[in-house]
Amino acid sequence: MLSQKEIALIREFNRDYTELLGLLNRQVFNTSLSWQEGRILLEIKINHLINPNEIATHLKIDKSYTSRIINRLVKQGFLEKVPSPEDSRSVQLKLTASGQQMTQNLDDRSNEQVAQLLSKLSTDKQAQFYQAVETINQLLFSRK
């Protein structure tokens, strides 16, 4: 079991990394999007989650809150709702051209942010950082 000192260090890292990435800012990368809106768009693009319930479950967000976010994204022109071919009572989500452009922008800016963060480190330190992230992913998220 971890000591209180070890737990405090992990929590300090979480706070520092959250601040470093700007996750508490109201908008993501000075766009019109909140972090939740950006995350939903990226989930649709990256993980091909097109069902609102899948998105809510995957992101562990309340379904009614997810629905409100999706409706805002539809109004902003980033998403469209199309009838599900399997169930006419359900909808599927599709990125519009603006939504595709926005997700590409978010991807590019996120990549730039990480690259800039790590550019201050030597090649060896960058490799060490990557290995640490890979280890955390394997331990917490079963990613290989």
Protein backbone atom coordinates (compact mmCIF):
# COMPACT_ATOMS: atom_id res chain seq x y z
CA MET A 1 0.00 0.00 0.00
CA LEU A 2 1.22 3.49 -0.83
CA SER A 3 2.19 5.84 1.94
CA GLN A 4 0.47 9.18 2.43
CA LYS A 5 3.63 10.87 1.11
CA GLU A 6 3.53 8.77 -2.09
CA ILE A 7 -0.17 9.48 -2.57
CA ALA A 8 0.46 13.20 -2.05
CA LEU A 9 3.19 13.13 -4.71
CA ILE A 10 0.85 11.45 -7.22
CA ARG A 11 -1.86 14.01 -6.50
CA GLU A 12 0.65 16.85 -6.87
CA PHE A 13 1.67 15.45 -10.26
CA ASN A 14 -2.00 15.27 -11.32
CA ARG A 15 -2.57 18.92 -10.34
CA ASP A 16 0.63 20.12 -12.02
CA TYR A 17 0.03 18.18 -15.25
CA THR A 18 -3.59 19.35 -15.40
CA GLU A 19 -2.43 22.95 -15.05
CA LEU A 20 0.41 22.48 -17.54
CA LEU A 21 -2.01 21.24 -20.21
CA GLY A 22 -4.56 23.96 -19.41
CA LEU A 23 -7.33 21.46 -18.71
CA LEU A 24 -9.09 23.82 -16.33
CA ASN A 25 -9.36 26.60 -18.91
CA ARG A 26 -12.92 27.23 -20.03
CA GLN A 27 -12.06 26.79 -23.71
CA VAL A 28 -9.72 24.35 -25.39
CA PHE A 29 -6.86 26.01 -27.27
CA ASN A 30 -8.69 29.36 -27.44
CA THR A 31 -11.48 27.90 -29.56
CA SER A 32 -15.18 28.27 -28.94
CA LEU A 33 -15.23 24.73 -27.49
CA SER A 34 -15.21 23.63 -23.89
CA TRP A 35 -12.97 20.69 -23.00
CA GLN A 36 -16.02 18.42 -22.83
CA GLU A 37 -17.18 19.50 -26.28
CA GLY A 38 -13.72 19.00 -27.74
CA ARG A 39 -13.42 15.60 -26.10
CA ILE A 40 -16.74 14.44 -27.52
CA LEU A 41 -15.74 15.54 -31.02
CA LEU A 42 -12.42 13.73 -30.69
CA GLU A 43 -14.11 10.56 -29.43
CA ILE A 44 -16.30 10.56 -32.52
CA LYS A 45 -13.26 11.04 -34.76
CA ILE A 46 -10.71 8.80 -33.04
CA ASN A 47 -12.82 6.00 -31.56
CA HIS A 48 -15.64 6.19 -34.10
CA LEU A 49 -18.20 6.46 -31.31
CA ILE A 50 -21.32 7.62 -33.10
CA ASN A 51 -24.04 6.72 -30.62
CA PRO A 52 -24.67 9.33 -27.90
CA ASN A 53 -25.06 6.60 -25.27
CA GLU A 54 -21.71 5.05 -26.24
CA ILE A 55 -20.05 8.43 -25.83
CA ALA A 56 -21.60 9.01 -22.42
CA THR A 57 -20.59 5.54 -21.26
CA HIS A 58 -17.07 5.75 -22.65
CA LEU A 59 -16.40 9.18 -21.15
CA LYS A 60 -18.29 8.38 -17.94
CA ILE A 61 -20.47 11.47 -18.38
CA ASP A 62 -24.13 11.70 -17.44
CA LYS A 63 -26.31 10.89 -20.47
CA SER A 64 -28.47 14.00 -20.18
CA TYR A 65 -25.36 16.20 -19.88
CA THR A 66 -23.87 14.45 -22.91
CA SER A 67 -27.10 15.09 -24.80
CA ARG A 68 -26.95 18.81 -24.00
CA ILE A 69 -23.32 18.99 -25.16
CA ILE A 70 -24.18 17.15 -28.38
CA ASN A 71 -27.08 19.53 -29.03
CA ARG A 72 -24.70 22.51 -28.61
CA LEU A 73 -22.27 20.90 -31.07
CA VAL A 74 -25.10 20.40 -33.56
CA LYS A 75 -26.14 24.07 -33.19
CA GLN A 76 -22.51 25.15 -33.68
CA GLY A 77 -22.39 23.14 -36.92
CA PHE A 78 -19.76 20.59 -35.83
CA LEU A 79 -22.10 17.58 -35.68
CA GLU A 80 -25.18 16.35 -37.39
CA LYS A 81 -27.65 13.77 -36.20
CA VAL A 82 -28.70 11.14 -38.71
CA PRO A 83 -31.25 8.36 -38.20
CA SER A 84 -29.74 5.04 -37.21
CA PRO A 85 -30.09 2.43 -39.96
CA GLU A 86 -30.65 -0.24 -37.28
CA ASP A 87 -33.25 1.59 -35.18
CA SER A 88 -35.30 4.49 -36.53
CA ARG A 89 -35.90 5.74 -32.96
CA SER A 90 -32.14 6.27 -32.47
CA VAL A 91 -29.70 8.71 -33.99
CA GLN A 92 -26.09 8.47 -34.98
CA LEU A 93 -23.65 11.34 -34.87
CA LYS A 94 -21.59 12.44 -37.82
CA LEU A 95 -18.90 15.10 -37.95
CA THR A 96 -19.71 17.87 -40.41
CA ALA A 97 -16.96 19.38 -42.56
CA SER A 98 -16.55 22.04 -39.84
CA GLY A 99 -16.41 19.30 -37.21
CA GLN A 100 -13.74 17.42 -39.16
CA GLN A 101 -11.74 20.62 -39.52
CA MET A 102 -12.10 21.40 -35.81
CA THR A 103 -11.04 17.91 -34.72
CA GLN A 104 -8.01 18.10 -37.01
CA ASN A 105 -7.16 21.47 -35.44
CA LEU A 106 -7.54 20.02 -31.93
CA ASP A 107 -5.38 17.03 -32.85
CA ASP A 108 -2.69 19.22 -34.38
CA ARG A 109 -2.65 21.65 -31.46
CA SER A 110 -2.55 18.79 -28.93
CA ASN A 111 0.39 17.23 -30.76
CA GLU A 112 2.16 20.59 -30.87
CA GLN A 113 1.55 21.08 -27.14
CA VAL A 114 3.14 17.74 -26.23
CA ALA A 115 6.01 18.24 -28.68
CA GLN A 116 6.74 21.68 -27.23
CA LEU A 117 6.53 20.37 -23.67
CA LEU A 118 9.04 17.63 -24.44
CA SER A 119 11.30 19.76 -26.66
CA LYS A 120 12.88 21.17 -23.51
CA LEU A 121 14.12 17.69 -22.60
CA SER A 122 17.12 15.87 -24.01
CA THR A 123 16.52 12.91 -26.32
CA ASP A 124 17.28 10.53 -23.44
CA LYS A 125 14.85 12.35 -21.13
CA GLN A 126 12.17 12.30 -23.84
CA ALA A 127 12.61 8.54 -24.14
CA GLN A 128 12.44 8.22 -20.36
CA PHE A 129 9.24 10.30 -20.29
CA TYR A 130 7.69 8.18 -23.05
CA GLN A 131 8.57 4.98 -21.20
CA ALA A 132 6.98 6.33 -18.02
CA VAL A 133 3.77 7.19 -19.88
CA GLU A 134 3.77 3.78 -21.56
CA THR A 135 4.15 2.12 -18.14
CA ILE A 136 1.30 4.19 -16.65
CA ASN A 137 -0.92 3.30 -19.61
CA GLN A 138 -0.17 -0.39 -19.20
CA LEU A 139 -0.75 -0.35 -15.45
CA LEU A 140 -3.91 1.76 -15.36
CA PHE A 141 -5.53 1.32 -18.75
CA SER A 142 -4.30 -2.07 -20.02
CA ARG A 143 -2.86 -0.44 -23.13
CA LYS A 144 -0.07 -2.25 -24.88
